[in-house]
């Protein structure tokens, strides 16, 4: 299960505004590659919506069946907001509805892979 935790406006090339929903997974414990200690985290991603602002506001907190999975992609630079550190990442997170998990072979086990 995932939760619609927030929404944000985005601008199209033509200047018009649309909204994206921020989707958050349940909490998971991950072992640090540098310290070996565990820390709690969640996975987040956004998905576009055709809903207006008031509709987006009204569905915050709604739970959806599915998972957020890690997907390989072309490398890109990411700036850590708290430290300003620039990191090169080669993955992104993507929401997969429950009915698509069977079709794609995604399961809860696949959501815990690391790169």
PDB file of N, CA and C in Angstrom:
ATOM      1  N   UNK A   1       0.840  -1.183   0.000  1.00  0.00           N
ATOM      2  CA  UNK A   1       0.000   0.000   0.000  1.00  0.00           C
ATOM      3  C   UNK A   1       0.887   1.249   0.000  1.00  0.00           C
ATOM      4  N   UNK A   2       0.400   2.270  -0.663  1.00  0.00           N
ATOM      5  CA  UNK A   2       1.045   3.573  -0.678  1.00  0.00           C
ATOM      6  C   UNK A   2       0.000   4.626  -0.308  1.00  0.00           C
ATOM      7  N   UNK A   3       0.465   5.813   0.025  1.00  0.00           N
ATOM      8  CA  UNK A   3      -0.434   6.887   0.448  1.00  0.00           C
ATOM      9  C   UNK A   3      -0.189   8.135  -0.385  1.00  0.00           C
ATOM     10  N   UNK A   4      -1.272   8.802  -0.771  1.00  0.00           N
ATOM     11  CA  UNK A   4      -1.145  10.114  -1.419  1.00  0.00           C
ATOM     12  C   UNK A   4      -0.829  11.092  -0.295  1.00  0.00           C
ATOM     13  N   UNK A   5       0.412  11.569  -0.243  1.00  0.00           N
ATOM     14  CA  UNK A   5       0.850  12.387   0.885  1.00  0.00           C
ATOM     15  C   UNK A   5       0.809  13.889   0.615  1.00  0.00           C
ATOM     16  N   UNK A   6       0.838  14.281  -0.653  1.00  0.00           N
ATOM     17  CA  UNK A   6       0.843  15.700  -0.963  1.00  0.00           C
ATOM     18  C   UNK A   6       0.553  15.880  -2.445  1.00  0.00           C
ATOM     19  N   UNK A   7       0.534  17.114  -2.889  1.00  0.00           N
ATOM     20  CA  UNK A   7       0.410  17.423  -4.313  1.00  0.00           C
ATOM     21  C   UNK A   7       1.149  18.724  -4.575  1.00  0.00           C
ATOM     22  N   UNK A   8       1.605  18.914  -5.809  1.00  0.00           N
ATOM     23  CA  UNK A   8       2.353  20.103  -6.177  1.00  0.00           C
ATOM     24  C   UNK A   8       1.951  20.559  -7.571  1.00  0.00           C
ATOM     25  N   UNK A   9       1.960  21.880  -7.803  1.00  0.00           N
ATOM     26  CA  UNK A   9       1.686  22.372  -9.152  1.00  0.00           C
ATOM     27  C   UNK A   9       2.936  22.264 -10.021  1.00  0.00           C
ATOM     28  N   UNK A  10       2.747  22.028 -11.283  1.00  0.00           N
ATOM     29  CA  UNK A  10       3.838  22.024 -12.281  1.00  0.00           C
ATOM     30  C   UNK A  10       3.369  22.831 -13.481  1.00  0.00           C
ATOM     31  N   UNK A  11       4.315  23.384 -14.232  1.00  0.00           N
ATOM     32  CA  UNK A  11       3.973  24.161 -15.420  1.00  0.00           C
ATOM     33  C   UNK A  11       4.324  23.393 -16.680  1.00  0.00           C
ATOM     34  N   UNK A  12       3.389  23.433 -17.637  1.00  0.00           N
ATOM     35  CA  UNK A  12       3.636  22.860 -18.954  1.00  0.00           C
ATOM     36  C   UNK A  12       4.462  23.851 -19.769  1.00  0.00           C
ATOM     37  N   UNK A  13       4.949  23.404 -20.921  1.00  0.00           N
ATOM     38  CA  UNK A  13       5.719  24.280 -21.804  1.00  0.00           C
ATOM     39  C   UNK A  13       4.915  25.504 -22.228  1.00  0.00           C
ATOM     40  N   UNK A  14       3.601  25.344 -22.357  1.00  0.00           N
ATOM     41  CA  UNK A  14       2.757  26.472 -22.778  1.00  0.00           C
ATOM     42  C   UNK A  14       2.399  27.410 -21.620  1.00  0.00           C
ATOM     43  N   UNK A  15       2.901  27.131 -20.410  1.00  0.00           N
ATOM     44  CA  UNK A  15       2.664  27.991 -19.256  1.00  0.00           C
ATOM     45  C   UNK A  15       1.468  27.607 -18.408  1.00  0.00           C
ATOM     46  N   UNK A  16       0.629  26.688 -18.875  1.00  0.00           N
ATOM     47  CA  UNK A  16      -0.525  26.266 -18.088  1.00  0.00           C
ATOM     48  C   UNK A  16      -0.076  25.364 -16.937  1.00  0.00           C
ATOM     49  N   UNK A  17      -0.901  25.325 -15.898  1.00  0.00           N
ATOM     50  CA  UNK A  17      -0.557  24.593 -14.675  1.00  0.00           C
ATOM     51  C   UNK A  17      -1.330  23.275 -14.604  1.00  0.00           C
ATOM     52  N   UNK A  18      -0.655  22.226 -14.131  1.00  0.00           N
ATOM     53  CA  UNK A  18      -1.300  20.962 -13.802  1.00  0.00           C
ATOM     54  C   UNK A  18      -0.718  20.514 -12.469  1.00  0.00           C
ATOM     55  N   UNK A  19      -1.272  19.462 -11.902  1.00  0.00           N
ATOM     56  CA  UNK A  19      -0.825  18.993 -10.593  1.00  0.00           C
ATOM     57  C   UNK A  19      -0.240  17.591 -10.678  1.00  0.00           C
ATOM     58  N   UNK A  20       0.690  17.317  -9.766  1.00  0.00           N
ATOM     59  CA  UNK A  20       1.213  15.965  -9.587  1.00  0.00           C
ATOM     60  C   UNK A  20       0.920  15.556  -8.149  1.00  0.00           C
ATOM     61  N   UNK A  21       0.630  14.287  -7.957  1.00  0.00           N
ATOM     62  CA  UNK A  21       0.396  13.733  -6.624  1.00  0.00           C
ATOM     63  C   UNK A  21       1.692  13.141  -6.108  1.00  0.00           C
ATOM     64  N   UNK A  22       2.042  13.435  -4.873  1.00  0.00           N
ATOM     65  CA  UNK A  22       3.203  12.809  -4.253  1.00  0.00           C
ATOM     66  C   UNK A  22       2.719  11.539  -3.574  1.00  0.00           C
ATOM     67  N   UNK A  23       3.320  10.427  -3.940  1.00  0.00           N
ATOM     68  CA  UNK A  23       2.960   9.110  -3.413  1.00  0.00           C
ATOM     69  C   UNK A  23       4.083   8.658  -2.480  1.00  0.00           C
ATOM     70  N   UNK A  24       3.727   8.161  -1.289  1.00  0.00           N
ATOM     71  CA  UNK A  24       4.718   7.745  -0.294  1.00  0.00           C
ATOM     72  C   UNK A  24       4.465   6.296   0.103  1.00  0.00           C
ATOM     73  N   UNK A  25       5.549   5.513   0.159  1.00  0.00           N
ATOM     74  CA  UNK A  25       5.442   4.109   0.570  1.00  0.00           C
ATOM     75  C   UNK A  25       5.378   4.016   2.091  1.00  0.00           C
ATOM     76  N   UNK A  26       5.188   2.800   2.569  1.00  0.00           N
ATOM     77  CA  UNK A  26       5.286   2.554   4.003  1.00  0.00           C
ATOM     78  C   UNK A  26       6.747   2.631   4.424  1.00  0.00           C
ATOM     79  N   UNK A  27       6.964   2.645   5.700  1.00  0.00           N
ATOM     80  CA  UNK A  27       8.333   2.757   6.222  1.00  0.00           C
ATOM     81  C   UNK A  27       9.100   1.458   5.984  1.00  0.00           C
ATOM     82  N   UNK A  28      10.386   1.595   5.694  1.00  0.00           N
ATOM     83  CA  UNK A  28      11.250   0.422   5.551  1.00  0.00           C
ATOM     84  C   UNK A  28      12.586   0.721   6.207  1.00  0.00           C
ATOM     85  N   UNK A  29      13.250  -0.327   6.679  1.00  0.00           N
ATOM     86  CA  UNK A  29      14.566  -0.191   7.289  1.00  0.00           C
ATOM     87  C   UNK A  29      15.620  -0.560   6.251  1.00  0.00           C
ATOM     88  N   UNK A  30      16.609   0.315   6.105  1.00  0.00           N
ATOM     89  CA  UNK A  30      17.664   0.126   5.113  1.00  0.00           C
ATOM     90  C   UNK A  30      19.005   0.187   5.833  1.00  0.00           C
ATOM     91  N   UNK A  31      19.924  -0.689   5.443  1.00  0.00           N
ATOM     92  CA  UNK A  31      21.252  -0.712   6.047  1.00  0.00           C
ATOM     93  C   UNK A  31      22.168   0.233   5.284  1.00  0.00           C
ATOM     94  N   UNK A  32      22.810   1.150   5.993  1.00  0.00           N
ATOM     95  CA  UNK A  32      23.718   2.112   5.391  1.00  0.00           C
ATOM     96  C   UNK A  32      24.936   1.398   4.817  1.00  0.00           C
ATOM     97  N   UNK A  33      25.321   1.768   3.591  1.00  0.00           N
ATOM     98  CA  UNK A  33      26.509   1.184   2.964  1.00  0.00           C
ATOM     99  C   UNK A  33      27.789   1.705   3.601  1.00  0.00           C
ATOM    100  N   UNK A  34      27.743   2.891   4.215  1.00  0.00           N
ATOM    101  CA  UNK A  34      28.950   3.461   4.797  1.00  0.00           C
ATOM    102  C   UNK A  34      29.129   3.114   6.270  1.00  0.00           C
ATOM    103  N   UNK A  35      28.042   3.127   7.065  1.00  0.00           N
ATOM    104  CA  UNK A  35      28.181   2.878   8.506  1.00  0.00           C
ATOM    105  C   UNK A  35      27.772   1.476   8.929  1.00  0.00           C
ATOM    106  N   UNK A  36      26.974   0.794   8.082  1.00  0.00           N
ATOM    107  CA  UNK A  36      26.474  -0.520   8.449  1.00  0.00           C
ATOM    108  C   UNK A  36      25.290  -0.475   9.400  1.00  0.00           C
ATOM    109  N   UNK A  37      24.863   0.734   9.791  1.00  0.00           N
ATOM    110  CA  UNK A  37      23.733   0.902  10.690  1.00  0.00           C
ATOM    111  C   UNK A  37      22.439   0.991   9.889  1.00  0.00           C
ATOM    112  N   UNK A  38      21.338   0.611  10.522  1.00  0.00           N
ATOM    113  CA  UNK A  38      20.027   0.693   9.874  1.00  0.00           C
ATOM    114  C   UNK A  38      19.405   2.062  10.110  1.00  0.00           C
ATOM    115  N   UNK A  39      18.644   2.521   9.127  1.00  0.00           N
ATOM    116  CA  UNK A  39      17.874   3.749   9.275  1.00  0.00           C
ATOM    117  C   UNK A  39      16.512   3.544   8.641  1.00  0.00           C
ATOM    118  N   UNK A  40      15.530   4.313   9.124  1.00  0.00           N
ATOM    119  CA  UNK A  40      14.166   4.212   8.615  1.00  0.00           C
ATOM    120  C   UNK A  40      13.977   5.227   7.493  1.00  0.00           C
ATOM    121  N   UNK A  41      13.298   4.807   6.439  1.00  0.00           N
ATOM    122  CA  UNK A  41      13.058   5.686   5.302  1.00  0.00           C
ATOM    123  C   UNK A  41      11.759   5.297   4.609  1.00  0.00           C
ATOM    124  N   UNK A  42      11.326   6.124   3.704  1.00  0.00           N
ATOM    125  CA  UNK A  42      10.194   5.808   2.832  1.00  0.00           C
ATOM    126  C   UNK A  42      10.609   6.123   1.411  1.00  0.00           C
ATOM    127  N   UNK A  43       9.917   5.539   0.466  1.00  0.00           N
ATOM    128  CA  UNK A  43      10.136   5.855  -0.947  1.00  0.00           C
ATOM    129  C   UNK A  43       9.043   6.818  -1.383  1.00  0.00           C
ATOM    130  N   UNK A  44       9.415   7.752  -2.249  1.00  0.00           N
ATOM    131  CA  UNK A  44       8.444   8.720  -2.744  1.00  0.00           C
ATOM    132  C   UNK A  44       8.602   8.878  -4.248  1.00  0.00           C
ATOM    133  N   UNK A  45       7.494   9.179  -4.884  1.00  0.00           N
ATOM    134  CA  UNK A  45       7.513   9.514  -6.301  1.00  0.00           C
ATOM    135  C   UNK A  45       6.307  10.406  -6.573  1.00  0.00           C
ATOM    136  N   UNK A  46       6.248  10.959  -7.764  1.00  0.00           N
ATOM    137  CA  UNK A  46       5.096  11.764  -8.149  1.00  0.00           C
ATOM    138  C   UNK A  46       4.457  11.179  -9.396  1.00  0.00           C
ATOM    139  N   UNK A  47       3.153  11.378  -9.497  1.00  0.00           N
ATOM    140  CA  UNK A  47       2.430  10.982 -10.706  1.00  0.00           C
ATOM    141  C   UNK A  47       1.527  12.151 -11.115  1.00  0.00           C
ATOM    142  N   UNK A  48       1.422  12.408 -12.420  1.00  0.00           N
ATOM    143  CA  UNK A  48       0.570  13.512 -12.870  1.00  0.00           C
ATOM    144  C   UNK A  48      -0.906  13.181 -12.668  1.00  0.00           C
ATOM    145  N   UNK A  49      -1.716  14.219 -12.533  1.00  0.00           N
ATOM    146  CA  UNK A  49      -3.152  14.042 -12.372  1.00  0.00           C
ATOM    147  C   UNK A  49      -3.907  15.084 -13.191  1.00  0.00           C
ATOM    148  N   UNK A  50      -5.140  14.773 -13.529  1.00  0.00           N
ATOM    149  CA  UNK A  50      -6.013  15.741 -14.206  1.00  0.00           C
ATOM    150  C   UNK A  50      -6.889  16.474 -13.203  1.00  0.00           C
ATOM    151  N   UNK A  51      -6.738  16.161 -11.912  1.00  0.00           N
ATOM    152  CA  UNK A  51      -7.566  16.773 -10.869  1.00  0.00           C
ATOM    153  C   UNK A  51      -7.166  18.227 -10.625  1.00  0.00           C
ATOM    154  N   UNK A  52      -8.132  19.035 -10.192  1.00  0.00           N
ATOM    155  CA  UNK A  52      -7.834  20.422  -9.851  1.00  0.00           C
ATOM    156  C   UNK A  52      -7.307  20.495  -8.409  1.00  0.00           C
ATOM    157  N   UNK A  53      -6.924  21.684  -7.975  1.00  0.00           N
ATOM    158  CA  UNK A  53      -6.299  21.861  -6.667  1.00  0.00           C
ATOM    159  C   UNK A  53      -7.197  21.400  -5.517  1.00  0.00           C
ATOM    160  N   UNK A  54      -8.483  21.749  -5.551  1.00  0.00           N
ATOM    161  CA  UNK A  54      -9.366  21.366  -4.443  1.00  0.00           C
ATOM    162  C   UNK A  54      -9.569  19.851  -4.386  1.00  0.00           C
ATOM    163  N   UNK A  55      -9.624  19.195  -5.535  1.00  0.00           N
ATOM    164  CA  UNK A  55      -9.750  17.731  -5.556  1.00  0.00           C
ATOM    165  C   UNK A  55      -8.473  17.083  -5.022  1.00  0.00           C
ATOM    166  N   UNK A  56      -7.315  17.614  -5.402  1.00  0.00           N
ATOM    167  CA  UNK A  56      -6.045  17.084  -4.891  1.00  0.00           C
ATOM    168  C   UNK A  56      -5.976  17.222  -3.378  1.00  0.00           C
ATOM    169  N   UNK A  57      -6.407  18.362  -2.877  1.00  0.00           N
ATOM    170  CA  UNK A  57      -6.406  18.598  -1.436  1.00  0.00           C
ATOM    171  C   UNK A  57      -7.296  17.600  -0.712  1.00  0.00           C
ATOM    172  N   UNK A  58      -8.436  17.281  -1.305  1.00  0.00           N
ATOM    173  CA  UNK A  58      -9.401  16.393  -0.645  1.00  0.00           C
ATOM    174  C   UNK A  58      -8.961  14.927  -0.619  1.00  0.00           C
ATOM    175  N   UNK A  59      -8.039  14.516  -1.477  1.00  0.00           N
ATOM    176  CA  UNK A  59      -7.634  13.104  -1.500  1.00  0.00           C
ATOM    177  C   UNK A  59      -6.323  12.837  -0.777  1.00  0.00           C
ATOM    178  N   UNK A  60      -5.710  13.874  -0.185  1.00  0.00           N
ATOM    179  CA  UNK A  60      -4.491  13.629   0.604  1.00  0.00           C
ATOM    180  C   UNK A  60      -4.826  12.646   1.715  1.00  0.00           C
ATOM    181  N   UNK A  61      -3.940  11.687   1.930  1.00  0.00           N
ATOM    182  CA  UNK A  61      -4.150  10.658   2.942  1.00  0.00           C
ATOM    183  C   UNK A  61      -4.807   9.400   2.403  1.00  0.00           C
ATOM    184  N   UNK A  62      -5.274   9.432   1.156  1.00  0.00           N
ATOM    185  CA  UNK A  62      -5.902   8.260   0.556  1.00  0.00           C
ATOM    186  C   UNK A  62      -4.850   7.175   0.313  1.00  0.00           C
ATOM    187  N   UNK A  63      -5.174   5.926   0.642  1.00  0.00           N
ATOM    188  CA  UNK A  63      -4.278   4.802   0.395  1.00  0.00           C
ATOM    189  C   UNK A  63      -4.631   4.152  -0.936  1.00  0.00           C
ATOM    190  N   UNK A  64      -3.597   3.724  -1.654  1.00  0.00           N
ATOM    191  CA  UNK A  64      -3.757   3.043  -2.935  1.00  0.00           C
ATOM    192  C   UNK A  64      -3.036   1.706  -2.889  1.00  0.00           C
ATOM    193  N   UNK A  65      -3.593   0.706  -3.551  1.00  0.00           N
ATOM    194  CA  UNK A  65      -2.927  -0.587  -3.653  1.00  0.00           C
ATOM    195  C   UNK A  65      -1.787  -0.467  -4.651  1.00  0.00           C
ATOM    196  N   UNK A  66      -0.630  -0.988  -4.296  1.00  0.00           N
ATOM    197  CA  UNK A  66       0.524  -0.945  -5.179  1.00  0.00           C
ATOM    198  C   UNK A  66       1.797  -0.701  -4.403  1.00  0.00           C
ATOM    199  N   UNK A  67       2.874  -0.504  -5.151  1.00  0.00           N
ATOM    200  CA  UNK A  67       4.199  -0.294  -4.559  1.00  0.00           C
ATOM    201  C   UNK A  67       4.937   0.800  -5.306  1.00  0.00           C
ATOM    202  N   UNK A  68       6.001   1.292  -4.686  1.00  0.00           N
ATOM    203  CA  UNK A  68       6.934   2.194  -5.349  1.00  0.00           C
ATOM    204  C   UNK A  68       8.210   1.397  -5.561  1.00  0.00           C
ATOM    205  N   UNK A  69       8.631   1.311  -6.814  1.00  0.00           N
ATOM    206  CA  UNK A  69       9.799   0.500  -7.145  1.00  0.00           C
ATOM    207  C   UNK A  69      10.943   1.377  -7.645  1.00  0.00           C
ATOM    208  N   UNK A  70      12.149   0.853  -7.535  1.00  0.00           N
ATOM    209  CA  UNK A  70      13.349   1.520  -8.018  1.00  0.00           C
ATOM    210  C   UNK A  70      13.576   1.074  -9.452  1.00  0.00           C
ATOM    211  N   UNK A  71      13.723   2.051 -10.376  1.00  0.00           N
ATOM    212  CA  UNK A  71      13.869   1.755 -11.799  1.00  0.00           C
ATOM    213  C   UNK A  71      15.158   2.389 -12.301  1.00  0.00           C
ATOM    214  N   UNK A  72      15.990   1.607 -12.989  1.00  0.00           N
ATOM    215  CA  UNK A  72      17.220   2.144 -13.577  1.00  0.00           C
ATOM    216  C   UNK A  72      16.882   3.156 -14.657  1.00  0.00           C
ATOM    217  N   UNK A  73      17.709   4.192 -14.776  1.00  0.00           N
ATOM    218  CA  UNK A  73      17.516   5.211 -15.809  1.00  0.00           C
ATOM    219  C   UNK A  73      18.878   5.790 -16.189  1.00  0.00           C
ATOM    220  N   UNK A  74      18.893   6.708 -17.126  1.00  0.00           N
ATOM    221  CA  UNK A  74      20.125   7.386 -17.505  1.00  0.00           C
ATOM    222  C   UNK A  74      20.629   8.201 -16.307  1.00  0.00           C
ATOM    223  N   UNK A  75      21.937   8.252 -16.085  1.00  0.00           N
ATOM    224  CA  UNK A  75      22.476   9.025 -14.961  1.00  0.00           C
ATOM    225  C   UNK A  75      22.093  10.504 -15.047  1.00  0.00           C
ATOM    226  N   UNK A  76      21.835  11.089 -13.878  1.00  0.00           N
ATOM    227  CA  UNK A  76      21.502  12.512 -13.784  1.00  0.00           C
ATOM    228  C   UNK A  76      22.039  13.048 -12.460  1.00  0.00           C
ATOM    229  N   UNK A  77      22.250  14.353 -12.384  1.00  0.00           N
ATOM    230  CA  UNK A  77      22.740  14.979 -11.164  1.00  0.00           C
ATOM    231  C   UNK A  77      21.568  15.366 -10.269  1.00  0.00           C
ATOM    232  N   UNK A  78      21.740  15.125  -8.990  1.00  0.00           N
ATOM    233  CA  UNK A  78      20.743  15.444  -7.978  1.00  0.00           C
ATOM    234  C   UNK A  78      21.431  16.260  -6.888  1.00  0.00           C
ATOM    235  N   UNK A  79      20.822  17.356  -6.460  1.00  0.00           N
ATOM    236  CA  UNK A  79      21.394  18.193  -5.403  1.00  0.00           C
ATOM    237  C   UNK A  79      20.646  17.923  -4.104  1.00  0.00           C
ATOM    238  N   UNK A  80      21.368  17.444  -3.096  1.00  0.00           N
ATOM    239  CA  UNK A  80      20.798  17.202  -1.771  1.00  0.00           C
ATOM    240  C   UNK A  80      20.471  18.556  -1.153  1.00  0.00           C
ATOM    241  N   UNK A  81      19.188  18.805  -0.869  1.00  0.00           N
ATOM    242  CA  UNK A  81      18.727  20.119  -0.402  1.00  0.00           C
ATOM    243  C   UNK A  81      19.365  20.537   0.919  1.00  0.00           C
ATOM    244  N   UNK A  82      19.555  19.593   1.835  1.00  0.00           N
ATOM    245  CA  UNK A  82      20.063  19.941   3.162  1.00  0.00           C
ATOM    246  C   UNK A  82      21.560  20.254   3.154  1.00  0.00           C
ATOM    247  N   UNK A  83      22.334  19.551   2.322  1.00  0.00           N
ATOM    248  CA  UNK A  83      23.786  19.717   2.353  1.00  0.00           C
ATOM    249  C   UNK A  83      24.343  20.435   1.127  1.00  0.00           C
ATOM    250  N   UNK A  84      23.572  20.494   0.037  1.00  0.00           N
ATOM    251  CA  UNK A  84      24.065  21.091  -1.197  1.00  0.00           C
ATOM    252  C   UNK A  84      24.948  20.147  -2.000  1.00  0.00           C
ATOM    253  N   UNK A  85      25.131  18.921  -1.501  1.00  0.00           N
ATOM    254  CA  UNK A  85      25.969  17.933  -2.180  1.00  0.00           C
ATOM    255  C   UNK A  85      25.337  17.524  -3.511  1.00  0.00           C
ATOM    256  N   UNK A  86      26.171  17.477  -4.566  1.00  0.00           N
ATOM    257  CA  UNK A  86      25.714  17.031  -5.877  1.00  0.00           C
ATOM    258  C   UNK A  86      26.041  15.550  -6.013  1.00  0.00           C
ATOM    259  N   UNK A  87      25.014  14.753  -6.303  1.00  0.00           N
ATOM    260  CA  UNK A  87      25.189  13.313  -6.462  1.00  0.00           C
ATOM    261  C   UNK A  87      24.719  12.916  -7.854  1.00  0.00           C
ATOM    262  N   UNK A  88      25.393  11.954  -8.464  1.00  0.00           N
ATOM    263  CA  UNK A  88      24.942  11.412  -9.736  1.00  0.00           C
ATOM    264  C   UNK A  88      24.182  10.124  -9.441  1.00  0.00           C
ATOM    265  N   UNK A  89      22.917  10.090  -9.851  1.00  0.00           N
ATOM    266  CA  UNK A  89      22.060   8.931  -9.620  1.00  0.00           C
ATOM    267  C   UNK A  89      21.741   8.257 -10.946  1.00  0.00           C
ATOM    268  N   UNK A  90      21.509   6.951 -10.896  1.00  0.00           N
ATOM    269  CA  UNK A  90      21.142   6.214 -12.108  1.00  0.00           C
ATOM    270  C   UNK A  90      19.851   5.424 -11.902  1.00  0.00           C
ATOM    271  N   UNK A  91      18.988   5.932 -11.045  1.00  0.00           N
ATOM    272  CA  UNK A  91      17.700   5.306 -10.785  1.00  0.00           C
ATOM    273  C   UNK A  91      16.678   6.381 -10.435  1.00  0.00           C
ATOM    274  N   UNK A  92      15.418   5.997 -10.499  1.00  0.00           N
ATOM    275  CA  UNK A  92      14.305   6.843 -10.069  1.00  0.00           C
ATOM    276  C   UNK A  92      13.276   5.914  -9.444  1.00  0.00           C
ATOM    277  N   UNK A  93      12.314   6.475  -8.751  1.00  0.00           N
ATOM    278  CA  UNK A  93      11.260   5.671  -8.151  1.00  0.00           C
ATOM    279  C   UNK A  93       9.978   5.848  -8.959  1.00  0.00           C
ATOM    280  N   UNK A  94       9.226   4.757  -9.083  1.00  0.00           N
ATOM    281  CA  UNK A  94       8.020   4.749  -9.906  1.00  0.00           C
ATOM    282  C   UNK A  94       6.915   3.980  -9.199  1.00  0.00           C
ATOM    283  N   UNK A  95       5.699   4.515  -9.245  1.00  0.00           N
ATOM    284  CA  UNK A  95       4.542   3.839  -8.663  1.00  0.00           C
ATOM    285  C   UNK A  95       4.045   2.757  -9.617  1.00  0.00           C
ATOM    286  N   UNK A  96       3.772   1.563  -9.071  1.00  0.00           N
ATOM    287  CA  UNK A  96       3.210   0.459  -9.844  1.00  0.00           C
ATOM    288  C   UNK A  96       1.926   0.021  -9.147  1.00  0.00           C
ATOM    289  N   UNK A  97       0.754   0.212  -9.795  1.00  0.00           N
ATOM    290  CA  UNK A  97      -0.503  -0.244  -9.194  1.00  0.00           C
ATOM    291  C   UNK A  97      -0.486  -1.754  -8.973  1.00  0.00           C
ATOM    292  N   UNK A  98      -1.255  -2.215  -8.005  1.00  0.00           N
ATOM    293  CA  UNK A  98      -1.272  -3.633  -7.638  1.00  0.00           C
ATOM    294  C   UNK A  98      -1.581  -4.540  -8.824  1.00  0.00           C
ATOM    295  N   UNK A  99      -2.542  -4.182  -9.677  1.00  0.00           N
ATOM    296  CA  UNK A  99      -2.898  -5.053 -10.799  1.00  0.00           C
ATOM    297  C   UNK A  99      -1.757  -5.175 -11.805  1.00  0.00           C
ATOM    298  N   UNK A 100      -0.862  -4.179 -11.888  1.00  0.00           N
ATOM    299  CA  UNK A 100       0.280  -4.245 -12.795  1.00  0.00           C
ATOM    300  C   UNK A 100       1.423  -5.063 -12.234  1.00  0.00           C
ATOM    301  N   UNK A 101       1.447  -5.286 -10.926  1.00  0.00           N
ATOM    302  CA  UNK A 101       2.522  -6.052 -10.312  1.00  0.00           C
ATOM    303  C   UNK A 101       2.561  -7.474 -10.851  1.00  0.00           C
ATOM    304  N   UNK A 102       1.406  -8.066 -11.072  1.00  0.00           N
ATOM    305  CA  UNK A 102       1.345  -9.428 -11.596  1.00  0.00           C
ATOM    306  C   UNK A 102       1.860  -9.446 -13.033  1.00  0.00           C
ATOM    307  N   UNK A 103       1.446  -8.454 -13.836  1.00  0.00           N
ATOM    308  CA  UNK A 103       1.856  -8.388 -15.235  1.00  0.00           C
ATOM    309  C   UNK A 103       3.353  -8.179 -15.384  1.00  0.00           C
ATOM    310  N   UNK A 104       3.966  -7.344 -14.523  1.00  0.00           N
ATOM    311  CA  UNK A 104       5.382  -7.004 -14.657  1.00  0.00           C
ATOM    312  C   UNK A 104       6.287  -7.888 -13.813  1.00  0.00           C
ATOM    313  N   UNK A 105       5.705  -8.719 -12.968  1.00  0.00           N
ATOM    314  CA  UNK A 105       6.500  -9.580 -12.110  1.00  0.00           C
ATOM    315  C   UNK A 105       7.039  -8.862 -10.885  1.00  0.00           C
ATOM    316  N   UNK A 106       6.541  -7.670 -10.600  1.00  0.00           N
ATOM    317  CA  UNK A 106       6.995  -6.911  -9.440  1.00  0.00           C
ATOM    318  C   UNK A 106       6.318  -7.475  -8.205  1.00  0.00           C
ATOM    319  N   UNK A 107       7.070  -7.590  -7.137  1.00  0.00           N
ATOM    320  CA  UNK A 107       6.511  -8.033  -5.867  1.00  0.00           C
ATOM    321  C   UNK A 107       7.117  -7.192  -4.754  1.00  0.00           C
ATOM    322  N   UNK A 108       6.694  -7.433  -3.525  1.00  0.00           N
ATOM    323  CA  UNK A 108       7.271  -6.712  -2.396  1.00  0.00           C
ATOM    324  C   UNK A 108       8.778  -6.931  -2.325  1.00  0.00           C
ATOM    325  N   UNK A 109       9.252  -8.108  -2.682  1.00  0.00           N
ATOM    326  CA  UNK A 109      10.685  -8.387  -2.648  1.00  0.00           C
ATOM    327  C   UNK A 109      11.449  -7.463  -3.583  1.00  0.00           C
ATOM    328  N   UNK A 110      10.880  -7.171  -4.746  1.00  0.00           N
ATOM    329  CA  UNK A 110      11.568  -6.334  -5.723  1.00  0.00           C
ATOM    330  C   UNK A 110      11.698  -4.898  -5.245  1.00  0.00           C
ATOM    331  N   UNK A 111      10.841  -4.459  -4.341  1.00  0.00           N
ATOM    332  CA  UNK A 111      10.893  -3.065  -3.887  1.00  0.00           C
ATOM    333  C   UNK A 111      12.056  -2.817  -2.943  1.00  0.00           C
ATOM    334  N   UNK A 112      12.759  -3.860  -2.504  1.00  0.00           N
ATOM    335  CA  UNK A 112      13.836  -3.691  -1.547  1.00  0.00           C
ATOM    336  C   UNK A 112      15.212  -3.849  -2.186  1.00  0.00           C
ATOM    337  N   UNK A 113      15.298  -3.870  -3.502  1.00  0.00           N
ATOM    338  CA  UNK A 113      16.604  -4.030  -4.124  1.00  0.00           C
ATOM    339  C   UNK A 113      17.402  -2.746  -4.006  1.00  0.00           C
ATOM    340  N   UNK A 114      18.735  -2.884  -3.968  1.00  0.00           N
ATOM    341  CA  UNK A 114      19.618  -1.722  -3.895  1.00  0.00           C
ATOM    342  C   UNK A 114      20.590  -1.760  -5.051  1.00  0.00           C
ATOM    343  N   UNK A 115      21.092  -0.612  -5.406  1.00  0.00           N
ATOM    344  CA  UNK A 115      22.053  -0.503  -6.503  1.00  0.00           C
ATOM    345  C   UNK A 115      23.390  -0.068  -5.975  1.00  0.00           C
TER     346      UNK A 115
END
